[in-house]
Every structure is written in C-alpha cells, then in structure tokens.
Amino acid sequence: MKDEDCQCEEVRRRLDELIDAELEDDLCARLQRHVDACPECHEIADVEAHIRRTLRRACSERAPEQLRARVLRITVQRTTYYG
C-alpha cells in the first residue's frame, strides 16, 4: 500500500528502528500510520514483534550452572591459548 507520506519500502527498511523505538517521534508516527493502514506492513511488523518477544522470553532464562562453568572454562582456555 502506498500513501503520500510513506511507502512500504521505507517501513520495511526502518522496521527494526520502529519496533525498538529508536526513531524521532515524527518519523515514528509517520511510519506507524502507514503500518496501521497497510495490511502487508502490519502483518510483517506483527510477525517481527512476535519473534522479538519470543526471543526475549527464551533468552531471559539463566543457563544451568554446569553449562555456564563449562563455557567459562572453554573461553579462558581459548583466551590463554590464542593470547
């Protein structure tokens, strides 16, 4: 969907910044208006936001202590070996 203020290409190029709220307010509002009005961009934005929420939840769990110790040991060994 195209409008005078914004096109799908721009939204898709700036989608990460839009979702992460890294844009100036006026640009964010313009892109969000397009997303709200464009079914294709709306679906893409929803899927991307869902993926990010899922990853945040999955990454918020702490690794088991045994795994953390093993990773630390390997990291120290490699750092020592490769200097």
Foldseek 3Di string as FASTA:
>chain_A
DDDPQDDPVVCVVCLVCLLVVVDPPVVNVSSVVCLVVDPVSVVVSVVVNVVVVVVVVVVVDDDDPVVVVVVVVVVVVCVVVVD
